[in-house]
Every structure is written in C-alpha cells, then in structure tokens.
Amino acid sequence: MLSNQYQKVLYDVSSHDFRILDDDHEYKMTSEINKSISSSSSYHQIYWSTVAESGLITQQVSLIVLFTILFVHLNSNDLQPTNILIVNALIGIIGLFLYRRHISIKLLQENFKTLSIFLLFGSLVSPVVFTLTKTISTDTIYAMSTLMMLTHLIFYDYGSESAMVQKALSFSVALFSSVCLASRLSTSFHTFCLVTSAVLVFALWPELRKYIKESSFGLFSILTVVHIFACVILLSRLSLLHTILYSLAILCLTFLCPLWLVSLQKYKISIRGAWEEAVVPEQIKDKFA
C-alpha cells in the first residue's frame, strides 16, 4: 500500500518558478540566470570571465592581421624569405617540444618524415601556385582573400558545441586565401615562404594554443595581450588608420560584446515542460582518483 505522502502528479510547478499561460499550453519557465546575475559581485565575475574567454576570438583576429602584415612586407620585399623560414622553423621546434614533452626517437622520426614530405611537396607546388592567378586582377584576389578570411572567422572552432562550427571549412578557406595572396608575390620562393607560414599559423598554432589554454589559462591570457601589442606595434608602422580600426575592433570584441552578452542574460528564460525527454543524471567517478 502506498503512503499518502506520495501524490499522483503528472506535472507540477514549484514555488521558485512562474507560469506563462496562453490558449493552448502552460509553460514552466525558470529564472535562475536572473538570480545568478542579480548581485553586483556575481555580475562582475561573469563579465570578466566572459572577457577572458573572448581572448580566443581576439587572438584569431590578431593572427589574421599578423599574417596580412607578413604578406605586405613580403610583397614589398622588406623581409627576406630565408629569415622567415628560419623563424618558422624555430617556432615549430619550440612548439613541438611544448606540445609533446616526452618525445621518443620514433616520434621524432615520424615528425621528420612528415616535415620532409611537406617541404618537398611545397617546394614542387610553389611554382604552380606562383602562376596560378596571373590572369585574375589584383583587386579581385584581395577581395576574395578578405571574404575567405571572414568565412574562416565565422566558422572557426572557438570551443562552443554548435552546428555552425566547421573546422575543415574554416581551415580550407584560410589556406585558400593564403594561396591566393601567395600567388601575388614576386618569386616562387616568396610563395613557398608565405604558404609555409599559413600552415604554421592556421594549422599548427591552434593546436598548441588549445594545449596552452587547457594547461595554464593565465599563460593563455598573456598570449592574448602579446597578440594585441604585436598587432598595434606592427600596424602603426604601416598605417595609422588601420591601427585605429584594429584597436576599435579589439575593444569591441573584448569588452563591449561580452558586456552586451551578459546584459542580455536577464532576458533569457528557459522553457521547460512535460514534453521534454527525461534525463537521468549519472555520477561518474574520476578514474584517476
């Protein structure tokens, strides 16, 4: 025989929730977000944590700006491709040892084999890439490269589980934009240098940055500041107008957009009801505990 303390209730609304009624449905709507940001201390904590997380967007925008600056200097012959390749090699070696702390001889052999194939293939394809867009106007190449870089930023994986995230598409359009820009350089060796830099910036560096963020968020925040200062210093030598536009864009992305996002959370309400699928919470013990 069942006890009287158990009630046969199919759906109920607790006291900390409120109801919105219409002609056909009764919705259970929670206001936990409003309570979480009601106090000033919680609001500031959520805001600054959002600002810190937006560093990934800031870094990716800054990387595209730095890559564009590299193209400008290579196009004007202000930098020697040999020096760029040496810097890329040093960054790649340091990143390899940071990403893989315990490196075996077998792993070094595999990495060296992959690097040799890439260098050989890149050096053979560079003359083809160099003459790939000779029949296309420079303005068209620049416009197409800008559109591809914007597409790269839109579909880039910023850590959110969304259907909009397309890693393969994001990397492909970034590499395609790099190839288009590289085809406008003076020699095939300049082209090979820029394509190699593109692989380092858009393929290898994001993996190392993800590892740094998981290992030390403080170091990740320092990298964000380094990216911003590097872009401001290098852009100021090219154009004051572009430096101001970049600074305004970073200010908007880093501080104004998180402020807007947090301020809109008070209007966010989760609609829940009996139509939702039941979820059984599971307590998974840490296997390393």
Protein backbone atom coordinates (compact mmCIF):
# COMPACT_ATOMS: atom_id res chain seq x y z
CA MET A 1 0.00 0.00 0.00
CA LEU A 2 1.41 3.40 -0.99
CA SER A 3 1.96 6.07 1.58
CA ASN A 4 -0.12 9.23 1.50
CA GLN A 5 2.96 11.41 1.22
CA TYR A 6 3.30 10.49 -2.45
CA GLN A 7 0.99 12.37 -4.80
CA LYS A 8 -0.07 11.25 -8.24
CA VAL A 9 1.06 14.36 -10.13
CA LEU A 10 1.98 14.28 -13.79
CA TYR A 11 3.35 17.82 -13.95
CA ASP A 12 3.84 20.44 -11.26
CA VAL A 13 5.32 23.92 -10.92
CA SER A 14 7.39 24.68 -7.85
CA SER A 15 7.26 27.91 -5.91
CA HIS A 16 10.52 29.33 -7.30
CA ASP A 17 9.19 29.13 -10.85
CA PHE A 18 6.48 31.16 -12.52
CA ARG A 19 3.89 30.48 -15.19
CA ILE A 20 3.05 31.94 -18.54
CA LEU A 21 -0.34 30.91 -19.90
CA ASP A 22 -1.67 31.06 -23.42
CA ASP A 23 -4.62 29.47 -25.16
CA ASP A 24 -3.09 26.02 -25.58
CA HIS A 25 -0.13 25.47 -23.26
CA GLU A 26 1.21 26.11 -19.81
CA TYR A 27 4.97 26.61 -19.75
CA LYS A 28 7.32 26.15 -16.84
CA MET A 29 9.91 28.91 -17.04
CA THR A 30 12.85 29.26 -14.69
CA SER A 31 14.65 32.46 -13.78
CA GLU A 32 17.88 31.06 -12.38
CA ILE A 33 20.00 33.27 -14.66
CA ASN A 34 18.30 36.38 -13.32
CA LYS A 35 19.11 35.30 -9.76
CA SER A 36 22.72 34.46 -10.63
CA ILE A 37 23.48 37.92 -12.02
CA SER A 38 21.29 39.90 -9.64
CA SER A 39 24.13 40.77 -7.28
CA SER A 40 26.87 43.17 -8.33
CA SER A 41 29.72 40.81 -7.43
CA SER A 42 28.27 37.97 -9.49
CA TYR A 43 27.69 40.30 -12.42
CA HIS A 44 31.30 41.49 -12.44
CA GLN A 45 32.59 37.94 -12.04
CA ILE A 46 30.56 36.69 -15.00
CA TYR A 47 31.56 39.70 -17.10
CA TRP A 48 35.31 39.38 -16.54
CA SER A 49 35.23 35.62 -17.08
CA THR A 50 33.47 36.27 -20.40
CA VAL A 51 36.13 38.85 -21.29
CA ALA A 52 38.84 36.29 -20.54
CA GLU A 53 37.14 33.66 -22.70
CA SER A 54 36.81 36.12 -25.57
CA GLY A 55 40.60 36.10 -25.80
CA LEU A 56 40.37 33.21 -28.26
CA ILE A 57 38.43 35.38 -30.72
CA THR A 58 40.85 38.25 -30.15
CA GLN A 59 43.85 36.02 -30.81
CA GLN A 60 42.39 34.61 -34.02
CA VAL A 61 41.59 38.06 -35.39
CA SER A 62 45.09 39.21 -34.42
CA LEU A 63 46.65 36.20 -36.17
CA ILE A 64 44.92 37.13 -39.41
CA VAL A 65 46.16 40.71 -39.03
CA LEU A 66 49.73 39.49 -38.38
CA PHE A 67 49.55 37.18 -41.38
CA THR A 68 48.38 40.08 -43.55
CA ILE A 69 51.26 42.23 -42.27
CA LEU A 70 53.66 39.43 -43.20
CA PHE A 71 52.22 39.37 -46.72
CA VAL A 72 52.58 43.15 -47.06
CA HIS A 73 56.24 43.03 -46.04
CA LEU A 74 56.99 40.10 -48.34
CA ASN A 75 55.20 41.80 -51.22
CA SER A 76 57.28 44.96 -50.75
CA ASN A 77 60.49 42.91 -50.25
CA ASP A 78 61.05 44.36 -46.78
CA LEU A 79 61.64 40.87 -45.37
CA GLN A 80 63.80 38.10 -46.68
CA PRO A 81 62.01 34.73 -47.14
CA THR A 82 65.04 32.89 -45.72
CA ASN A 83 64.73 34.74 -42.41
CA ILE A 84 61.01 33.98 -42.27
CA LEU A 85 61.64 30.27 -42.84
CA ILE A 86 64.27 30.23 -40.08
CA VAL A 87 61.84 31.88 -37.65
CA ASN A 88 59.10 29.43 -38.66
CA ALA A 89 61.45 26.51 -38.07
CA LEU A 90 62.41 27.78 -34.61
CA ILE A 91 58.78 28.35 -33.65
CA GLY A 92 57.84 24.90 -34.95
CA ILE A 93 60.61 23.18 -32.96
CA ILE A 94 59.75 25.04 -29.75
CA GLY A 95 56.06 24.31 -30.23
CA LEU A 96 56.79 20.63 -30.82
CA PHE A 97 58.70 20.30 -27.56
CA LEU A 98 55.99 22.20 -25.67
CA TYR A 99 53.17 20.14 -27.16
CA ARG A 100 54.97 16.81 -26.74
CA ARG A 101 57.02 16.93 -23.58
CA HIS A 102 58.09 13.30 -23.80
CA ILE A 103 59.46 12.80 -27.30
CA SER A 104 60.84 9.44 -28.35
CA ILE A 105 63.19 8.69 -31.20
CA LYS A 106 60.39 7.00 -33.12
CA LEU A 107 58.15 10.04 -32.77
CA LEU A 108 60.95 12.33 -33.93
CA GLN A 109 61.47 10.14 -36.99
CA GLU A 110 57.75 10.30 -37.85
CA ASN A 111 57.66 14.07 -37.42
CA PHE A 112 60.81 14.49 -39.50
CA LYS A 113 59.31 12.31 -42.22
CA THR A 114 56.10 14.38 -42.27
CA LEU A 115 58.11 17.61 -42.38
CA SER A 116 60.27 16.35 -45.24
CA ILE A 117 57.22 15.37 -47.28
CA PHE A 118 55.63 18.78 -46.67
CA LEU A 119 58.78 20.70 -47.63
CA LEU A 120 59.31 18.61 -50.75
CA PHE A 121 55.69 18.87 -51.85
CA GLY A 122 55.57 22.59 -51.05
CA SER A 123 58.73 23.37 -52.98
CA LEU A 124 57.41 21.47 -56.03
CA VAL A 125 53.98 23.10 -55.96
CA SER A 126 55.20 26.66 -55.28
CA PRO A 127 56.00 27.45 -58.95
CA VAL A 128 52.48 26.33 -59.89
CA VAL A 129 50.90 28.43 -57.13
CA PHE A 130 53.08 31.37 -58.15
CA THR A 131 51.49 31.47 -61.62
CA LEU A 132 48.04 30.28 -60.54
CA THR A 133 46.19 33.61 -60.62
CA LYS A 134 48.14 35.61 -63.16
CA THR A 135 45.04 36.15 -65.29
CA ILE A 136 42.99 37.46 -62.36
CA SER A 137 43.16 41.09 -61.30
CA THR A 138 44.81 42.02 -58.00
CA ASP A 139 41.67 43.72 -56.66
CA THR A 140 39.69 40.53 -57.22
CA ILE A 141 42.34 38.50 -55.39
CA TYR A 142 42.32 40.87 -52.43
CA ALA A 143 38.52 40.93 -52.24
CA MET A 144 38.30 37.14 -52.45
CA SER A 145 41.00 36.72 -49.80
CA THR A 146 39.17 39.10 -47.46
CA LEU A 147 35.92 37.20 -47.94
CA MET A 148 37.67 33.88 -47.26
CA MET A 149 39.28 35.19 -44.08
CA LEU A 150 35.90 36.43 -42.83
CA THR A 151 34.46 32.99 -43.57
CA HIS A 152 37.35 31.47 -41.63
CA LEU A 153 36.50 33.62 -38.59
CA ILE A 154 32.79 32.80 -38.79
CA PHE A 155 33.17 29.02 -38.92
CA TYR A 156 36.23 28.74 -36.68
CA ASP A 157 36.05 26.46 -33.64
CA TYR A 158 36.01 28.77 -30.62
CA GLY A 159 35.19 25.96 -28.21
CA SER A 160 31.39 26.04 -28.47
CA GLU A 161 29.44 22.97 -29.47
CA SER A 162 27.42 24.39 -32.33
CA ALA A 163 26.34 23.21 -35.76
CA MET A 164 27.85 26.39 -37.16
CA VAL A 165 31.37 25.24 -36.29
CA GLN A 166 33.07 23.73 -39.35
CA LYS A 167 36.75 23.04 -38.67
CA ALA A 168 37.54 21.66 -42.12
CA LEU A 169 35.79 24.54 -43.88
CA SER A 170 37.46 27.13 -41.68
CA PHE A 171 40.95 25.77 -42.33
CA SER A 172 40.31 25.24 -46.04
CA VAL A 173 39.17 28.81 -46.71
CA ALA A 174 42.09 30.21 -44.68
CA LEU A 175 44.56 28.15 -46.69
CA PHE A 176 42.82 29.08 -49.94
CA SER A 177 43.08 32.77 -49.03
CA SER A 178 46.78 32.30 -48.25
CA VAL A 179 47.39 30.63 -51.61
CA CYS A 180 45.62 33.49 -53.40
CA LEU A 181 47.79 36.05 -51.60
CA ALA A 182 50.94 34.00 -52.15
CA SER A 183 50.31 33.97 -55.90
CA ARG A 184 50.79 37.76 -55.91
CA LEU A 185 54.36 37.67 -54.58
CA SER A 186 57.44 38.30 -56.67
CA THR A 187 59.08 34.85 -56.71
CA SER A 188 58.10 31.23 -56.11
CA PHE A 189 60.35 31.18 -53.04
CA HIS A 190 58.33 34.03 -51.53
CA THR A 191 55.21 31.99 -52.31
CA PHE A 192 56.61 28.93 -50.57
CA CYS A 193 57.52 31.04 -47.53
CA LEU A 194 54.02 32.50 -47.19
CA VAL A 195 52.27 29.13 -47.65
CA THR A 196 54.56 27.61 -45.01
CA SER A 197 53.69 30.45 -42.64
CA ALA A 198 49.99 29.88 -43.34
CA VAL A 199 50.26 26.21 -42.35
CA LEU A 200 52.07 27.21 -39.16
CA VAL A 201 49.51 29.92 -38.29
CA PHE A 202 46.25 28.20 -39.22
CA ALA A 203 47.04 24.51 -38.67
CA LEU A 204 49.76 24.03 -36.06
CA TRP A 205 49.42 27.05 -33.80
CA PRO A 206 45.70 26.49 -32.92
CA GLU A 207 46.52 23.02 -31.55
CA LEU A 208 49.35 24.36 -29.41
CA ARG A 209 47.18 27.25 -28.25
CA LYS A 210 44.45 24.83 -27.21
CA TYR A 211 47.01 22.86 -25.20
CA ILE A 212 48.28 26.06 -23.54
CA LYS A 213 44.75 27.12 -22.64
CA GLU A 214 44.00 23.77 -21.02
CA SER A 215 47.32 23.76 -19.16
CA SER A 216 47.50 27.36 -17.97
CA PHE A 217 44.74 29.90 -18.55
CA GLY A 218 46.97 32.66 -17.18
CA LEU A 219 49.56 32.00 -19.89
CA PHE A 220 46.74 31.97 -22.44
CA SER A 221 45.64 35.44 -21.27
CA ILE A 222 49.24 36.68 -21.54
CA LEU A 223 49.32 35.41 -25.14
CA THR A 224 46.21 37.46 -25.87
CA VAL A 225 47.92 40.64 -24.65
CA VAL A 226 51.05 39.78 -26.67
CA HIS A 227 48.97 39.33 -29.83
CA ILE A 228 47.30 42.72 -29.34
CA PHE A 229 50.53 44.63 -28.68
CA ALA A 230 52.30 42.94 -31.60
CA CYS A 231 49.50 43.92 -33.98
CA VAL A 232 49.37 47.51 -32.72
CA ILE A 233 53.15 47.99 -33.00
CA LEU A 234 53.45 46.42 -36.44
CA LEU A 235 50.32 48.10 -37.83
CA SER A 236 51.42 51.52 -36.60
CA ARG A 237 54.45 51.26 -38.92
CA LEU A 238 52.18 50.67 -41.91
CA SER A 239 49.09 52.77 -41.37
CA LEU A 240 47.73 54.83 -38.50
CA LEU A 241 44.16 54.46 -39.79
CA HIS A 242 44.36 50.65 -39.80
CA THR A 243 45.85 50.73 -36.30
CA ILE A 244 42.90 52.75 -35.02
CA LEU A 245 40.40 50.47 -36.77
CA TYR A 246 42.09 47.38 -35.33
CA SER A 247 42.11 48.88 -31.82
CA LEU A 248 38.41 49.73 -32.05
CA ALA A 249 37.59 46.23 -33.31
CA ILE A 250 39.54 44.59 -30.47
CA LEU A 251 37.93 46.92 -27.94
CA CYS A 252 34.50 45.93 -29.24
CA LEU A 253 35.23 42.19 -29.35
CA THR A 254 36.98 42.01 -25.98
CA PHE A 255 34.96 44.38 -23.80
CA LEU A 256 31.77 45.68 -25.43
CA CYS A 257 30.47 42.40 -26.86
CA PRO A 258 30.87 40.49 -23.53
CA LEU A 259 29.15 43.38 -21.76
CA TRP A 260 26.28 43.19 -24.23
CA LEU A 261 26.08 39.41 -23.87
CA VAL A 262 25.97 39.49 -20.07
CA SER A 263 23.42 42.32 -20.00
CA LEU A 264 21.11 40.29 -22.29
CA GLN A 265 21.15 37.27 -19.97
CA LYS A 266 18.41 38.77 -17.79
CA TYR A 267 16.04 38.38 -20.73
CA LYS A 268 16.98 34.74 -21.27
CA ILE A 269 14.38 32.28 -19.97
CA SER A 270 14.49 28.52 -20.30
CA ILE A 271 11.17 27.00 -21.32
CA ARG A 272 10.71 23.52 -19.89
CA GLY A 273 7.74 21.23 -19.79
CA ALA A 274 6.40 17.70 -19.72
CA TRP A 275 7.19 17.27 -23.42
CA GLU A 276 10.94 17.08 -22.77
CA GLU A 277 12.81 13.81 -22.67
CA ALA A 278 13.71 12.58 -19.22
CA VAL A 279 17.42 12.79 -18.36
CA VAL A 280 18.88 10.52 -15.68
CA PRO A 281 21.91 12.15 -14.02
CA GLU A 282 24.91 9.88 -13.64
CA GLN A 283 27.73 10.24 -11.17
CA ILE A 284 30.94 9.23 -12.90
CA LYS A 285 33.89 8.73 -10.62
CA ASP A 286 37.25 10.02 -11.69
CA LYS A 287 39.35 7.10 -12.80
CA PHE A 288 42.49 8.83 -11.58
CA ALA A 289 41.08 9.47 -8.09
